């Protein structure tokens, strides 16, 4: 097969005058802001949550999925992600 992708024949394509933007390599650490204030906020969110919906589900997998989604949403909103650059 002379024109396909299989077999020993290799096809190389060249793009003339292709401009690729230069991007500096930056190293960032992804951390979460966890302190007494954010922990108290997380606890308050969990206390105010309507857990009846998660407990009224009879399928264990659906119940866990509902609990997990509620828990993660509150976790993400209470403990925001902070990016810090590495200095070398």
C-alpha atoms as a PDB file:
ATOM      1  CA  UNK A   1       0.000   0.000   0.000  1.00  0.00           C
ATOM      2  CA  UNK A   2       1.797   3.133  -1.170  1.00  0.00           C
ATOM      3  CA  UNK A   3      -0.462   5.862   0.192  1.00  0.00           C
ATOM      4  CA  UNK A   4      -1.736   4.517   3.521  1.00  0.00           C
ATOM      5  CA  UNK A   5      -0.452   4.666   7.053  1.00  0.00           C
ATOM      6  CA  UNK A   6       0.437   0.984   7.293  1.00  0.00           C
ATOM      7  CA  UNK A   7       3.456  -0.697   5.795  1.00  0.00           C
ATOM      8  CA  UNK A   8       7.111   0.305   5.496  1.00  0.00           C
ATOM      9  CA  UNK A   9       6.467   3.549   3.563  1.00  0.00           C
ATOM     10  CA  UNK A  10       6.876   6.691   5.683  1.00  0.00           C
ATOM     11  CA  UNK A  11       5.319  10.043   4.843  1.00  0.00           C
ATOM     12  CA  UNK A  12       6.741  13.290   6.242  1.00  0.00           C
ATOM     13  CA  UNK A  13       4.885  16.584   6.092  1.00  0.00           C
ATOM     14  CA  UNK A  14       6.645  19.946   6.385  1.00  0.00           C
ATOM     15  CA  UNK A  15       4.877  23.179   7.267  1.00  0.00           C
ATOM     16  CA  UNK A  16       6.806  26.178   5.988  1.00  0.00           C
ATOM     17  CA  UNK A  17       6.856  29.388   8.000  1.00  0.00           C
ATOM     18  CA  UNK A  18       5.133  27.804  10.963  1.00  0.00           C
ATOM     19  CA  UNK A  19       5.081  30.127  13.944  1.00  0.00           C
ATOM     20  CA  UNK A  20       4.959  28.517  17.366  1.00  0.00           C
ATOM     21  CA  UNK A  21       4.685  30.903  20.311  1.00  0.00           C
ATOM     22  CA  UNK A  22       7.569  30.640  22.748  1.00  0.00           C
ATOM     23  CA  UNK A  23       6.463  29.722  26.246  1.00  0.00           C
ATOM     24  CA  UNK A  24       8.731  29.971  29.224  1.00  0.00           C
ATOM     25  CA  UNK A  25       8.846  26.940  31.461  1.00  0.00           C
ATOM     26  CA  UNK A  26       7.454  27.839  34.857  1.00  0.00           C
ATOM     27  CA  UNK A  27       7.328  25.571  37.835  1.00  0.00           C
ATOM     28  CA  UNK A  28       4.346  26.001  40.113  1.00  0.00           C
ATOM     29  CA  UNK A  29       3.354  24.095  43.204  1.00  0.00           C
ATOM     30  CA  UNK A  30      -0.329  23.465  43.655  1.00  0.00           C
ATOM     31  CA  UNK A  31      -1.361  23.668  47.295  1.00  0.00           C
ATOM     32  CA  UNK A  32      -4.569  24.237  49.228  1.00  0.00           C
ATOM     33  CA  UNK A  33      -5.174  26.995  51.728  1.00  0.00           C
ATOM     34  CA  UNK A  34      -5.925  25.126  54.963  1.00  0.00           C
ATOM     35  CA  UNK A  35      -6.049  27.051  58.220  1.00  0.00           C
ATOM     36  CA  UNK A  36      -8.408  27.456  61.181  1.00  0.00           C
ATOM     37  CA  UNK A  37     -10.650  29.835  59.216  1.00  0.00           C
ATOM     38  CA  UNK A  38     -11.061  27.544  56.205  1.00  0.00           C
ATOM     39  CA  UNK A  39     -11.575  24.489  58.452  1.00  0.00           C
ATOM     40  CA  UNK A  40     -14.349  26.322  60.319  1.00  0.00           C
ATOM     41  CA  UNK A  41     -15.896  27.310  56.966  1.00  0.00           C
ATOM     42  CA  UNK A  42     -15.777  23.667  55.811  1.00  0.00           C
ATOM     43  CA  UNK A  43     -17.420  22.443  59.025  1.00  0.00           C
ATOM     44  CA  UNK A  44     -20.132  25.081  58.711  1.00  0.00           C
ATOM     45  CA  UNK A  45     -20.844  24.063  55.112  1.00  0.00           C
ATOM     46  CA  UNK A  46     -21.144  20.409  56.146  1.00  0.00           C
ATOM     47  CA  UNK A  47     -23.489  21.274  59.025  1.00  0.00           C
ATOM     48  CA  UNK A  48     -25.720  23.375  56.776  1.00  0.00           C
ATOM     49  CA  UNK A  49     -25.904  20.720  54.071  1.00  0.00           C
ATOM     50  CA  UNK A  50     -29.217  18.923  53.504  1.00  0.00           C
ATOM     51  CA  UNK A  51     -28.029  15.354  54.063  1.00  0.00           C
ATOM     52  CA  UNK A  52     -31.554  13.917  53.913  1.00  0.00           C
ATOM     53  CA  UNK A  53     -31.306  13.616  50.151  1.00  0.00           C
ATOM     54  CA  UNK A  54     -28.163  11.501  50.360  1.00  0.00           C
ATOM     55  CA  UNK A  55     -29.615   9.300  53.115  1.00  0.00           C
ATOM     56  CA  UNK A  56     -32.954   8.672  51.395  1.00  0.00           C
ATOM     57  CA  UNK A  57     -31.326   6.806  48.500  1.00  0.00           C
ATOM     58  CA  UNK A  58     -31.701   3.031  48.814  1.00  0.00           C
ATOM     59  CA  UNK A  59     -28.979   2.045  46.354  1.00  0.00           C
ATOM     60  CA  UNK A  60     -25.659   2.048  48.243  1.00  0.00           C
ATOM     61  CA  UNK A  61     -23.610   3.084  45.190  1.00  0.00           C
ATOM     62  CA  UNK A  62     -25.922   6.015  44.430  1.00  0.00           C
ATOM     63  CA  UNK A  63     -25.935   6.995  48.100  1.00  0.00           C
ATOM     64  CA  UNK A  64     -22.129   7.051  48.215  1.00  0.00           C
ATOM     65  CA  UNK A  65     -21.937   8.962  44.934  1.00  0.00           C
ATOM     66  CA  UNK A  66     -24.353  11.586  46.265  1.00  0.00           C
ATOM     67  CA  UNK A  67     -22.418  11.894  49.531  1.00  0.00           C
ATOM     68  CA  UNK A  68     -19.095  12.081  47.689  1.00  0.00           C
ATOM     69  CA  UNK A  69     -20.292  14.854  45.347  1.00  0.00           C
ATOM     70  CA  UNK A  70     -21.660  16.921  48.239  1.00  0.00           C
ATOM     71  CA  UNK A  71     -18.480  16.406  50.259  1.00  0.00           C
ATOM     72  CA  UNK A  72     -16.150  17.305  47.362  1.00  0.00           C
ATOM     73  CA  UNK A  73     -18.140  20.403  46.415  1.00  0.00           C
ATOM     74  CA  UNK A  74     -17.906  21.682  49.980  1.00  0.00           C
ATOM     75  CA  UNK A  75     -14.216  20.750  50.175  1.00  0.00           C
ATOM     76  CA  UNK A  76     -13.379  22.567  46.931  1.00  0.00           C
ATOM     77  CA  UNK A  77     -15.264  25.700  47.963  1.00  0.00           C
ATOM     78  CA  UNK A  78     -13.787  25.773  51.477  1.00  0.00           C
ATOM     79  CA  UNK A  79     -10.153  25.025  50.643  1.00  0.00           C
ATOM     80  CA  UNK A  80      -9.186  26.986  47.528  1.00  0.00           C
ATOM     81  CA  UNK A  81      -6.209  25.985  45.388  1.00  0.00           C
ATOM     82  CA  UNK A  82      -3.188  28.281  45.664  1.00  0.00           C
ATOM     83  CA  UNK A  83      -0.359  28.224  43.108  1.00  0.00           C
ATOM     84  CA  UNK A  84       3.140  29.146  44.275  1.00  0.00           C
ATOM     85  CA  UNK A  85       6.078  29.589  41.926  1.00  0.00           C
ATOM     86  CA  UNK A  86       9.347  27.833  42.585  1.00  0.00           C
ATOM     87  CA  UNK A  87      12.275  30.194  42.660  1.00  0.00           C
ATOM     88  CA  UNK A  88      15.570  28.756  41.561  1.00  0.00           C
END
